[in-house]
């Protein structure tokens, strides 16, 4: 009876450890945009893009690859024409799962 209990406890510990280690693979990509704020106005047309993406293989902004650091952070400064622009960020992991976030910015006349 004691041997069965010990085997059960050890098995439970192995499964729990495996789930903790596999969680990043199970969870999929994450994406957090710090800048720009949604619906923000930029009178000079210069917009700083920054944020963090975790557990990703590829990050794109409107279809163009965005370079990111090993910790997942990214930052870039872009210039936009007068009027409204929609920024579409897509973070894709190694299994093809993706998450999409959009931001709208406005450059007044």
PDB file of N, CA and C in Angstrom:
ATOM      1  N   UNK A   1       0.827  -1.196   0.000  1.00  0.00           N
ATOM      2  CA  UNK A   1       0.000   0.000   0.000  1.00  0.00           C
ATOM      3  C   UNK A   1       0.867   1.254   0.000  1.00  0.00           C
ATOM      4  N   UNK A   2       1.924   1.246   0.793  1.00  0.00           N
ATOM      5  CA  UNK A   2       2.839   2.386   0.867  1.00  0.00           C
ATOM      6  C   UNK A   2       3.552   2.581  -0.469  1.00  0.00           C
ATOM      7  N   UNK A   3       3.922   1.463  -1.113  1.00  0.00           N
ATOM      8  CA  UNK A   3       4.618   1.547  -2.402  1.00  0.00           C
ATOM      9  C   UNK A   3       3.703   2.173  -3.459  1.00  0.00           C
ATOM     10  N   UNK A   4       2.423   1.824  -3.457  1.00  0.00           N
ATOM     11  CA  UNK A   4       1.471   2.399  -4.412  1.00  0.00           C
ATOM     12  C   UNK A   4       1.323   3.891  -4.194  1.00  0.00           C
ATOM     13  N   UNK A   5       1.258   4.318  -2.954  1.00  0.00           N
ATOM     14  CA  UNK A   5       1.130   5.742  -2.642  1.00  0.00           C
ATOM     15  C   UNK A   5       2.360   6.503  -3.113  1.00  0.00           C
ATOM     16  N   UNK A   6       3.543   5.959  -2.875  1.00  0.00           N
ATOM     17  CA  UNK A   6       4.777   6.610  -3.307  1.00  0.00           C
ATOM     18  C   UNK A   6       4.843   6.703  -4.832  1.00  0.00           C
ATOM     19  N   UNK A   7       4.455   5.628  -5.513  1.00  0.00           N
ATOM     20  CA  UNK A   7       4.446   5.644  -6.981  1.00  0.00           C
ATOM     21  C   UNK A   7       3.462   6.697  -7.481  1.00  0.00           C
ATOM     22  N   UNK A   8       2.309   6.790  -6.862  1.00  0.00           N
ATOM     23  CA  UNK A   8       1.306   7.790  -7.242  1.00  0.00           C
ATOM     24  C   UNK A   8       1.813   9.202  -7.040  1.00  0.00           C
ATOM     25  N   UNK A   9       2.490   9.451  -5.919  1.00  0.00           N
ATOM     26  CA  UNK A   9       3.033  10.780  -5.631  1.00  0.00           C
ATOM     27  C   UNK A   9       4.133  11.143  -6.632  1.00  0.00           C
ATOM     28  N   UNK A  10       5.032  10.206  -6.893  1.00  0.00           N
ATOM     29  CA  UNK A  10       6.118  10.456  -7.845  1.00  0.00           C
ATOM     30  C   UNK A  10       5.552  10.707  -9.241  1.00  0.00           C
ATOM     31  N   UNK A  11       4.581   9.919  -9.660  1.00  0.00           N
ATOM     32  CA  UNK A  11       3.951  10.111 -10.959  1.00  0.00           C
ATOM     33  C   UNK A  11       3.278  11.481 -11.045  1.00  0.00           C
ATOM     34  N   UNK A  12       2.581  11.868 -10.000  1.00  0.00           N
ATOM     35  CA  UNK A  12       1.941  13.180  -9.956  1.00  0.00           C
ATOM     36  C   UNK A  12       2.969  14.302 -10.079  1.00  0.00           C
ATOM     37  N   UNK A  13       4.092  14.177  -9.379  1.00  0.00           N
ATOM     38  CA  UNK A  13       5.148  15.185  -9.444  1.00  0.00           C
ATOM     39  C   UNK A  13       5.743  15.286 -10.850  1.00  0.00           C
ATOM     40  N   UNK A  14       5.973  14.153 -11.498  1.00  0.00           N
ATOM     41  CA  UNK A  14       6.507  14.172 -12.865  1.00  0.00           C
ATOM     42  C   UNK A  14       5.535  14.841 -13.845  1.00  0.00           C
ATOM     43  N   UNK A  15       4.278  14.502 -13.751  1.00  0.00           N
ATOM     44  CA  UNK A  15       3.271  15.092 -14.640  1.00  0.00           C
ATOM     45  C   UNK A  15       3.152  16.587 -14.379  1.00  0.00           C
ATOM     46  N   UNK A  16       3.131  16.990 -13.120  1.00  0.00           N
ATOM     47  CA  UNK A  16       3.044  18.411 -12.778  1.00  0.00           C
ATOM     48  C   UNK A  16       4.246  19.170 -13.300  1.00  0.00           C
ATOM     49  N   UNK A  17       5.429  18.633 -13.130  1.00  0.00           N
ATOM     50  CA  UNK A  17       6.648  19.265 -13.620  1.00  0.00           C
ATOM     51  C   UNK A  17       6.604  19.397 -15.148  1.00  0.00           C
ATOM     52  N   UNK A  18       6.172  18.357 -15.812  1.00  0.00           N
ATOM     53  CA  UNK A  18       6.065  18.394 -17.272  1.00  0.00           C
ATOM     54  C   UNK A  18       5.094  19.459 -17.747  1.00  0.00           C
ATOM     55  N   UNK A  19       3.958  19.608 -17.061  1.00  0.00           N
ATOM     56  CA  UNK A  19       2.995  20.640 -17.433  1.00  0.00           C
ATOM     57  C   UNK A  19       3.554  22.042 -17.220  1.00  0.00           C
ATOM     58  N   UNK A  20       4.278  22.251 -16.140  1.00  0.00           N
ATOM     59  CA  UNK A  20       4.890  23.560 -15.877  1.00  0.00           C
ATOM     60  C   UNK A  20       5.904  23.890 -16.959  1.00  0.00           C
ATOM     61  N   UNK A  21       6.733  22.941 -17.334  1.00  0.00           N
ATOM     62  CA  UNK A  21       7.747  23.176 -18.364  1.00  0.00           C
ATOM     63  C   UNK A  21       7.128  23.327 -19.750  1.00  0.00           C
ATOM     64  N   UNK A  22       6.019  22.653 -20.021  1.00  0.00           N
ATOM     65  CA  UNK A  22       5.393  22.708 -21.335  1.00  0.00           C
ATOM     66  C   UNK A  22       4.434  23.889 -21.484  1.00  0.00           C
ATOM     67  N   UNK A  23       4.135  24.600 -20.413  1.00  0.00           N
ATOM     68  CA  UNK A  23       3.150  25.674 -20.461  1.00  0.00           C
ATOM     69  C   UNK A  23       3.444  26.720 -21.552  1.00  0.00           C
ATOM     70  N   UNK A  24       4.687  27.190 -21.717  1.00  0.00           N
ATOM     71  CA  UNK A  24       4.939  28.159 -22.798  1.00  0.00           C
ATOM     72  C   UNK A  24       4.571  27.621 -24.178  1.00  0.00           C
ATOM     73  N   UNK A  25       4.748  26.339 -24.407  1.00  0.00           N
ATOM     74  CA  UNK A  25       4.369  25.748 -25.693  1.00  0.00           C
ATOM     75  C   UNK A  25       2.851  25.640 -25.832  1.00  0.00           C
ATOM     76  N   UNK A  26       2.189  25.377 -24.733  1.00  0.00           N
ATOM     77  CA  UNK A  26       0.736  25.230 -24.736  1.00  0.00           C
ATOM     78  C   UNK A  26       0.061  26.597 -24.851  1.00  0.00           C
ATOM     79  N   UNK A  27       0.641  27.612 -24.200  1.00  0.00           N
ATOM     80  CA  UNK A  27       0.001  28.922 -24.097  1.00  0.00           C
ATOM     81  C   UNK A  27      -0.049  29.687 -25.418  1.00  0.00           C
ATOM     82  N   UNK A  28       0.925  29.526 -26.283  1.00  0.00           N
ATOM     83  CA  UNK A  28       0.943  30.275 -27.533  1.00  0.00           C
ATOM     84  C   UNK A  28       1.568  31.641 -27.365  1.00  0.00           C
ATOM     85  N   UNK A  29       1.563  32.442 -28.428  1.00  0.00           N
ATOM     86  CA  UNK A  29       2.231  33.741 -28.393  1.00  0.00           C
ATOM     87  C   UNK A  29       1.443  34.784 -27.603  1.00  0.00           C
ATOM     88  N   UNK A  30       2.161  35.788 -27.091  1.00  0.00           N
ATOM     89  CA  UNK A  30       1.528  36.941 -26.456  1.00  0.00           C
ATOM     90  C   UNK A  30       2.076  38.207 -27.102  1.00  0.00           C
ATOM     91  N   UNK A  31       1.270  39.262 -27.099  1.00  0.00           N
ATOM     92  CA  UNK A  31       1.657  40.515 -27.723  1.00  0.00           C
ATOM     93  C   UNK A  31       1.099  41.670 -26.907  1.00  0.00           C
ATOM     94  N   UNK A  32       1.974  42.579 -26.514  1.00  0.00           N
ATOM     95  CA  UNK A  32       1.581  43.760 -25.751  1.00  0.00           C
ATOM     96  C   UNK A  32       2.170  44.991 -26.433  1.00  0.00           C
ATOM     97  N   UNK A  33       1.323  45.928 -26.830  1.00  0.00           N
ATOM     98  CA  UNK A  33       1.754  47.149 -27.504  1.00  0.00           C
ATOM     99  C   UNK A  33       1.707  48.296 -26.501  1.00  0.00           C
ATOM    100  N   UNK A  34       2.880  48.894 -26.216  1.00  0.00           N
ATOM    101  CA  UNK A  34       2.931  50.039 -25.317  1.00  0.00           C
ATOM    102  C   UNK A  34       2.692  51.347 -26.080  1.00  0.00           C
ATOM    103  N   UNK A  35       3.172  51.423 -27.315  1.00  0.00           N
ATOM    104  CA  UNK A  35       3.025  52.628 -28.115  1.00  0.00           C
ATOM    105  C   UNK A  35       2.891  52.209 -29.572  1.00  0.00           C
ATOM    106  N   UNK A  36       1.997  52.782 -30.301  1.00  0.00           N
ATOM    107  CA  UNK A  36       1.178  53.970 -30.018  1.00  0.00           C
ATOM    108  C   UNK A  36      -0.107  53.601 -29.294  1.00  0.00           C
ATOM    109  N   UNK A  37      -0.684  54.593 -28.651  1.00  0.00           N
ATOM    110  CA  UNK A  37      -1.998  54.404 -28.049  1.00  0.00           C
ATOM    111  C   UNK A  37      -3.030  54.391 -29.184  1.00  0.00           C
ATOM    112  N   UNK A  38      -4.093  53.664 -28.993  1.00  0.00           N
ATOM    113  CA  UNK A  38      -5.121  53.580 -30.024  1.00  0.00           C
ATOM    114  C   UNK A  38      -5.818  54.932 -30.188  1.00  0.00           C
ATOM    115  N   UNK A  39      -6.072  55.332 -31.412  1.00  0.00           N
ATOM    116  CA  UNK A  39      -6.745  56.577 -31.792  1.00  0.00           C
ATOM    117  C   UNK A  39      -5.981  57.828 -31.374  1.00  0.00           C
ATOM    118  N   UNK A  40      -4.675  57.728 -31.226  1.00  0.00           N
ATOM    119  CA  UNK A  40      -3.862  58.883 -30.842  1.00  0.00           C
ATOM    120  C   UNK A  40      -3.570  59.745 -32.068  1.00  0.00           C
ATOM    121  N   UNK A  41      -3.406  61.051 -31.834  1.00  0.00           N
ATOM    122  CA  UNK A  41      -3.058  61.993 -32.894  1.00  0.00           C
ATOM    123  C   UNK A  41      -1.574  62.335 -32.785  1.00  0.00           C
ATOM    124  N   UNK A  42      -0.908  62.386 -33.930  1.00  0.00           N
ATOM    125  CA  UNK A  42       0.518  62.700 -34.009  1.00  0.00           C
ATOM    126  C   UNK A  42       0.704  63.839 -35.006  1.00  0.00           C
ATOM    127  N   UNK A  43       0.707  65.088 -34.527  1.00  0.00           N
ATOM    128  CA  UNK A  43       0.769  66.245 -35.419  1.00  0.00           C
ATOM    129  C   UNK A  43       1.974  66.252 -36.365  1.00  0.00           C
ATOM    130  N   UNK A  44       3.112  65.747 -35.919  1.00  0.00           N
ATOM    131  CA  UNK A  44       4.306  65.751 -36.772  1.00  0.00           C
ATOM    132  C   UNK A  44       4.425  64.494 -37.637  1.00  0.00           C
ATOM    133  N   UNK A  45       3.548  63.514 -37.444  1.00  0.00           N
ATOM    134  CA  UNK A  45       3.563  62.285 -38.229  1.00  0.00           C
ATOM    135  C   UNK A  45       4.587  61.262 -37.797  1.00  0.00           C
ATOM    136  N   UNK A  46       5.375  61.556 -36.759  1.00  0.00           N
ATOM    137  CA  UNK A  46       6.407  60.629 -36.278  1.00  0.00           C
ATOM    138  C   UNK A  46       5.839  59.826 -35.110  1.00  0.00           C
ATOM    139  N   UNK A  47       5.828  58.512 -35.281  1.00  0.00           N
ATOM    140  CA  UNK A  47       5.218  57.624 -34.296  1.00  0.00           C
ATOM    141  C   UNK A  47       6.247  56.599 -33.829  1.00  0.00           C
ATOM    142  N   UNK A  48       6.388  56.476 -32.513  1.00  0.00           N
ATOM    143  CA  UNK A  48       7.251  55.449 -31.942  1.00  0.00           C
ATOM    144  C   UNK A  48       6.413  54.199 -31.703  1.00  0.00           C
ATOM    145  N   UNK A  49       6.861  53.105 -32.279  1.00  0.00           N
ATOM    146  CA  UNK A  49       6.207  51.810 -32.128  1.00  0.00           C
ATOM    147  C   UNK A  49       7.022  51.018 -31.109  1.00  0.00           C
ATOM    148  N   UNK A  50       6.381  50.533 -30.036  1.00  0.00           N
ATOM    149  CA  UNK A  50       7.122  49.727 -29.069  1.00  0.00           C
ATOM    150  C   UNK A  50       6.182  48.758 -28.367  1.00  0.00           C
ATOM    151  N   UNK A  51       6.765  47.676 -27.880  1.00  0.00           N
ATOM    152  CA  UNK A  51       5.980  46.679 -27.178  1.00  0.00           C
ATOM    153  C   UNK A  51       6.799  45.453 -26.873  1.00  0.00           C
ATOM    154  N   UNK A  52       6.108  44.388 -26.496  1.00  0.00           N
ATOM    155  CA  UNK A  52       6.742  43.136 -26.145  1.00  0.00           C
ATOM    156  C   UNK A  52       5.938  41.980 -26.731  1.00  0.00           C
ATOM    157  N   UNK A  53       6.640  41.033 -27.324  1.00  0.00           N
ATOM    158  CA  UNK A  53       6.010  39.821 -27.852  1.00  0.00           C
ATOM    159  C   UNK A  53       6.772  38.624 -27.299  1.00  0.00           C
ATOM    160  N   UNK A  54       6.060  37.700 -26.703  1.00  0.00           N
ATOM    161  CA  UNK A  54       6.695  36.523 -26.097  1.00  0.00           C
ATOM    162  C   UNK A  54       6.285  35.249 -26.817  1.00  0.00           C
ATOM    163  N   UNK A  55       7.207  34.289 -26.814  1.00  0.00           N
ATOM    164  CA  UNK A  55       6.987  32.974 -27.418  1.00  0.00           C
ATOM    165  C   UNK A  55       6.616  33.103 -28.889  1.00  0.00           C
ATOM    166  N   UNK A  56       7.399  33.888 -29.642  1.00  0.00           N
ATOM    167  CA  UNK A  56       7.090  34.098 -31.049  1.00  0.00           C
ATOM    168  C   UNK A  56       8.251  33.663 -31.941  1.00  0.00           C
ATOM    169  N   UNK A  57       7.919  33.334 -33.170  1.00  0.00           N
ATOM    170  CA  UNK A  57       8.915  33.057 -34.201  1.00  0.00           C
ATOM    171  C   UNK A  57       8.971  34.211 -35.190  1.00  0.00           C
ATOM    172  N   UNK A  58       7.842  34.950 -35.343  1.00  0.00           N
ATOM    173  CA  UNK A  58       7.764  36.032 -36.311  1.00  0.00           C
ATOM    174  C   UNK A  58       6.818  37.111 -35.795  1.00  0.00           C
ATOM    175  N   UNK A  59       7.231  38.372 -35.966  1.00  0.00           N
ATOM    176  CA  UNK A  59       6.392  39.516 -35.627  1.00  0.00           C
ATOM    177  C   UNK A  59       6.322  40.412 -36.858  1.00  0.00           C
ATOM    178  N   UNK A  60       5.102  40.766 -37.277  1.00  0.00           N
ATOM    179  CA  UNK A  60       4.954  41.640 -38.432  1.00  0.00           C
ATOM    180  C   UNK A  60       4.090  42.847 -38.086  1.00  0.00           C
ATOM    181  N   UNK A  61       4.349  43.932 -38.811  1.00  0.00           N
ATOM    182  CA  UNK A  61       3.541  45.140 -38.737  1.00  0.00           C
ATOM    183  C   UNK A  61       3.094  45.445 -40.161  1.00  0.00           C
ATOM    184  N   UNK A  62       1.793  45.340 -40.410  1.00  0.00           N
ATOM    185  CA  UNK A  62       1.226  45.523 -41.753  1.00  0.00           C
ATOM    186  C   UNK A  62       1.949  44.674 -42.791  1.00  0.00           C
ATOM    187  N   UNK A  63       2.284  43.442 -42.408  1.00  0.00           N
ATOM    188  CA  UNK A  63       2.899  42.490 -43.324  1.00  0.00           C
ATOM    189  C   UNK A  63       4.411  42.554 -43.428  1.00  0.00           C
ATOM    190  N   UNK A  64       5.036  43.529 -42.779  1.00  0.00           N
ATOM    191  CA  UNK A  64       6.494  43.674 -42.823  1.00  0.00           C
ATOM    192  C   UNK A  64       7.086  43.181 -41.503  1.00  0.00           C
ATOM    193  N   UNK A  65       8.131  42.372 -41.584  1.00  0.00           N
ATOM    194  CA  UNK A  65       8.741  41.806 -40.386  1.00  0.00           C
ATOM    195  C   UNK A  65       9.311  42.896 -39.490  1.00  0.00           C
ATOM    196  N   UNK A  66       9.074  42.752 -38.181  1.00  0.00           N
ATOM    197  CA  UNK A  66       9.609  43.653 -37.166  1.00  0.00           C
ATOM    198  C   UNK A  66      10.670  42.885 -36.389  1.00  0.00           C
ATOM    199  N   UNK A  67      11.841  43.455 -36.268  1.00  0.00           N
ATOM    200  CA  UNK A  67      12.909  42.809 -35.497  1.00  0.00           C
ATOM    201  C   UNK A  67      12.654  42.997 -34.013  1.00  0.00           C
ATOM    202  N   UNK A  68      12.952  41.957 -33.241  1.00  0.00           N
ATOM    203  CA  UNK A  68      12.738  42.011 -31.794  1.00  0.00           C
ATOM    204  C   UNK A  68      13.955  41.454 -31.081  1.00  0.00           C
ATOM    205  N   UNK A  69      14.146  41.897 -29.829  1.00  0.00           N
ATOM    206  CA  UNK A  69      15.249  41.404 -29.006  1.00  0.00           C
ATOM    207  C   UNK A  69      14.946  40.001 -28.498  1.00  0.00           C
ATOM    208  N   UNK A  70      15.948  39.371 -27.901  1.00  0.00           N
ATOM    209  CA  UNK A  70      15.759  38.019 -27.368  1.00  0.00           C
ATOM    210  C   UNK A  70      14.741  37.978 -26.233  1.00  0.00           C
ATOM    211  N   UNK A  71      14.560  39.105 -25.541  1.00  0.00           N
ATOM    212  CA  UNK A  71      13.554  39.151 -24.473  1.00  0.00           C
ATOM    213  C   UNK A  71      12.161  39.468 -25.018  1.00  0.00           C
ATOM    214  N   UNK A  72      12.035  39.645 -26.336  1.00  0.00           N
ATOM    215  CA  UNK A  72      10.745  39.881 -26.964  1.00  0.00           C
ATOM    216  C   UNK A  72      10.390  41.341 -27.166  1.00  0.00           C
ATOM    217  N   UNK A  73      11.206  42.257 -26.653  1.00  0.00           N
ATOM    218  CA  UNK A  73      10.877  43.676 -26.804  1.00  0.00           C
ATOM    219  C   UNK A  73      11.242  44.166 -28.203  1.00  0.00           C
ATOM    220  N   UNK A  74      10.488  45.146 -28.669  1.00  0.00           N
ATOM    221  CA  UNK A  74      10.752  45.747 -29.972  1.00  0.00           C
ATOM    222  C   UNK A  74      10.453  47.236 -29.908  1.00  0.00           C
ATOM    223  N   UNK A  75      11.125  47.997 -30.759  1.00  0.00           N
ATOM    224  CA  UNK A  75      10.932  49.438 -30.806  1.00  0.00           C
ATOM    225  C   UNK A  75      11.399  49.956 -32.155  1.00  0.00           C
ATOM    226  N   UNK A  76      10.646  50.904 -32.701  1.00  0.00           N
ATOM    227  CA  UNK A  76      10.988  51.498 -33.985  1.00  0.00           C
ATOM    228  C   UNK A  76      10.280  52.839 -34.086  1.00  0.00           C
ATOM    229  N   UNK A  77      10.832  53.733 -34.877  1.00  0.00           N
ATOM    230  CA  UNK A  77      10.195  55.021 -35.125  1.00  0.00           C
ATOM    231  C   UNK A  77       9.836  55.089 -36.604  1.00  0.00           C
ATOM    232  N   UNK A  78       8.566  55.394 -36.871  1.00  0.00           N
ATOM    233  CA  UNK A  78       8.071  55.443 -38.241  1.00  0.00           C
ATOM    234  C   UNK A  78       7.428  56.802 -38.517  1.00  0.00           C
ATOM    235  N   UNK A  79       7.402  57.193 -39.771  1.00  0.00           N
ATOM    236  CA  UNK A  79       6.757  58.431 -40.193  1.00  0.00           C
ATOM    237  C   UNK A  79       5.531  58.078 -41.026  1.00  0.00           C
ATOM    238  N   UNK A  80       4.399  58.713 -40.707  1.00  0.00           N
ATOM    239  CA  UNK A  80       3.150  58.433 -41.390  1.00  0.00           C
ATOM    240  C   UNK A  80       2.655  59.665 -42.140  1.00  0.00           C
ATOM    241  N   UNK A  81       1.934  59.464 -43.253  1.00  0.00           N
ATOM    242  CA  UNK A  81       1.387  60.597 -44.003  1.00  0.00           C
ATOM    243  C   UNK A  81       0.174  61.192 -43.289  1.00  0.00           C
ATOM    244  N   UNK A  82      -0.263  62.323 -43.744  1.00  0.00           N
ATOM    245  CA  UNK A  82      -1.456  62.967 -43.186  1.00  0.00           C
ATOM    246  C   UNK A  82      -2.657  62.037 -43.341  1.00  0.00           C
ATOM    247  N   UNK A  83      -3.535  62.093 -42.360  1.00  0.00           N
ATOM    248  CA  UNK A  83      -4.730  61.256 -42.387  1.00  0.00           C
ATOM    249  C   UNK A  83      -4.640  60.132 -41.380  1.00  0.00           C
ATOM    250  N   UNK A  84      -5.503  59.160 -41.522  1.00  0.00           N
ATOM    251  CA  UNK A  84      -5.552  58.031 -40.601  1.00  0.00           C
ATOM    252  C   UNK A  84      -4.794  56.829 -41.123  1.00  0.00           C
ATOM    253  N   UNK A  85      -4.225  56.075 -40.210  1.00  0.00           N
ATOM    254  CA  UNK A  85      -3.517  54.839 -40.549  1.00  0.00           C
ATOM    255  C   UNK A  85      -3.908  53.761 -39.558  1.00  0.00           C
ATOM    256  N   UNK A  86      -4.044  52.557 -40.050  1.00  0.00           N
ATOM    257  CA  UNK A  86      -4.318  51.409 -39.188  1.00  0.00           C
ATOM    258  C   UNK A  86      -3.083  50.539 -39.166  1.00  0.00           C
ATOM    259  N   UNK A  87      -2.592  50.249 -37.969  1.00  0.00           N
ATOM    260  CA  UNK A  87      -1.412  49.406 -37.779  1.00  0.00           C
ATOM    261  C   UNK A  87      -1.891  48.033 -37.323  1.00  0.00           C
ATOM    262  N   UNK A  88      -1.511  46.997 -38.043  1.00  0.00           N
ATOM    263  CA  UNK A  88      -1.892  45.635 -37.687  1.00  0.00           C
ATOM    264  C   UNK A  88      -0.647  44.850 -37.322  1.00  0.00           C
ATOM    265  N   UNK A  89      -0.550  44.484 -36.053  1.00  0.00           N
ATOM    266  CA  UNK A  89       0.558  43.683 -35.538  1.00  0.00           C
ATOM    267  C   UNK A  89       0.118  42.223 -35.496  1.00  0.00           C
ATOM    268  N   UNK A  90       0.967  41.325 -35.992  1.00  0.00           N
ATOM    269  CA  UNK A  90       0.672  39.889 -35.930  1.00  0.00           C
ATOM    270  C   UNK A  90       1.902  39.184 -35.361  1.00  0.00           C
ATOM    271  N   UNK A  91       1.706  38.479 -34.243  1.00  0.00           N
ATOM    272  CA  UNK A  91       2.759  37.674 -33.632  1.00  0.00           C
ATOM    273  C   UNK A  91       2.427  36.204 -33.882  1.00  0.00           C
ATOM    274  N   UNK A  92       3.382  35.470 -34.463  1.00  0.00           N
ATOM    275  CA  UNK A  92       3.174  34.064 -34.821  1.00  0.00           C
ATOM    276  C   UNK A  92       4.216  33.210 -34.126  1.00  0.00           C
ATOM    277  N   UNK A  93       3.783  32.096 -33.524  1.00  0.00           N
ATOM    278  CA  UNK A  93       4.737  31.211 -32.858  1.00  0.00           C
ATOM    279  C   UNK A  93       5.232  30.137 -33.824  1.00  0.00           C
ATOM    280  N   UNK A  94       6.087  29.257 -33.333  1.00  0.00           N
ATOM    281  CA  UNK A  94       6.704  28.234 -34.187  1.00  0.00           C
ATOM    282  C   UNK A  94       5.720  27.183 -34.677  1.00  0.00           C
ATOM    283  N   UNK A  95       4.522  27.134 -34.098  1.00  0.00           N
ATOM    284  CA  UNK A  95       3.512  26.164 -34.508  1.00  0.00           C
ATOM    285  C   UNK A  95       2.455  26.781 -35.416  1.00  0.00           C
ATOM    286  N   UNK A  96       2.643  28.053 -35.796  1.00  0.00           N
ATOM    287  CA  UNK A  96       1.702  28.728 -36.677  1.00  0.00           C
ATOM    288  C   UNK A  96       0.545  29.412 -35.980  1.00  0.00           C
ATOM    289  N   UNK A  97       0.477  29.323 -34.662  1.00  0.00           N
ATOM    290  CA  UNK A  97      -0.573  30.031 -33.937  1.00  0.00           C
ATOM    291  C   UNK A  97      -0.236  31.508 -33.938  1.00  0.00           C
ATOM    292  N   UNK A  98      -1.237  32.361 -34.046  1.00  0.00           N
ATOM    293  CA  UNK A  98      -0.950  33.782 -34.099  1.00  0.00           C
ATOM    294  C   UNK A  98      -1.951  34.587 -33.277  1.00  0.00           C
ATOM    295  N   UNK A  99      -1.527  35.786 -32.942  1.00  0.00           N
ATOM    296  CA  UNK A  99      -2.371  36.748 -32.239  1.00  0.00           C
ATOM    297  C   UNK A  99      -2.228  38.070 -32.983  1.00  0.00           C
ATOM    298  N   UNK A 100      -3.336  38.774 -33.163  1.00  0.00           N
ATOM    299  CA  UNK A 100      -3.353  40.021 -33.920  1.00  0.00           C
ATOM    300  C   UNK A 100      -3.852  41.156 -33.037  1.00  0.00           C
ATOM    301  N   UNK A 101      -3.175  42.300 -33.126  1.00  0.00           N
ATOM    302  CA  UNK A 101      -3.577  43.509 -32.417  1.00  0.00           C
ATOM    303  C   UNK A 101      -3.514  44.673 -33.396  1.00  0.00           C
ATOM    304  N   UNK A 102      -4.503  45.557 -33.342  1.00  0.00           N
ATOM    305  CA  UNK A 102      -4.500  46.718 -34.226  1.00  0.00           C
ATOM    306  C   UNK A 102      -4.481  48.014 -33.426  1.00  0.00           C
ATOM    307  N   UNK A 103      -3.906  49.024 -34.039  1.00  0.00           N
ATOM    308  CA  UNK A 103      -3.899  50.376 -33.485  1.00  0.00           C
ATOM    309  C   UNK A 103      -4.231  51.335 -34.620  1.00  0.00           C
ATOM    310  N   UNK A 104      -5.011  52.358 -34.332  1.00  0.00           N
ATOM    311  CA  UNK A 104      -5.329  53.405 -35.291  1.00  0.00           C
ATOM    312  C   UNK A 104      -4.627  54.679 -34.850  1.00  0.00           C
ATOM    313  N   UNK A 105      -3.934  55.334 -35.774  1.00  0.00           N
ATOM    314  CA  UNK A 105      -3.265  56.607 -35.476  1.00  0.00           C
ATOM    315  C   UNK A 105      -3.745  57.639 -36.490  1.00  0.00           C
ATOM    316  N   UNK A 106      -3.644  58.902 -36.121  1.00  0.00           N
ATOM    317  CA  UNK A 106      -4.113  59.979 -36.972  1.00  0.00           C
ATOM    318  C   UNK A 106      -3.069  61.082 -37.026  1.00  0.00           C
ATOM    319  N   UNK A 107      -2.769  61.544 -38.246  1.00  0.00           N
ATOM    320  CA  UNK A 107      -1.873  62.678 -38.448  1.00  0.00           C
ATOM    321  C   UNK A 107      -2.733  63.793 -39.030  1.00  0.00           C
ATOM    322  N   UNK A 108      -3.001  64.849 -38.221  1.00  0.00           N
ATOM    323  CA  UNK A 108      -3.875  65.920 -38.704  1.00  0.00           C
ATOM    324  C   UNK A 108      -3.248  66.742 -39.824  1.00  0.00           C
ATOM    325  N   UNK A 109      -4.119  67.392 -40.625  1.00  0.00           N
ATOM    326  CA  UNK A 109      -3.651  68.272 -41.710  1.00  0.00           C
ATOM    327  C   UNK A 109      -3.062  69.540 -41.170  1.00  0.00           C
TER     328      UNK A 109
END
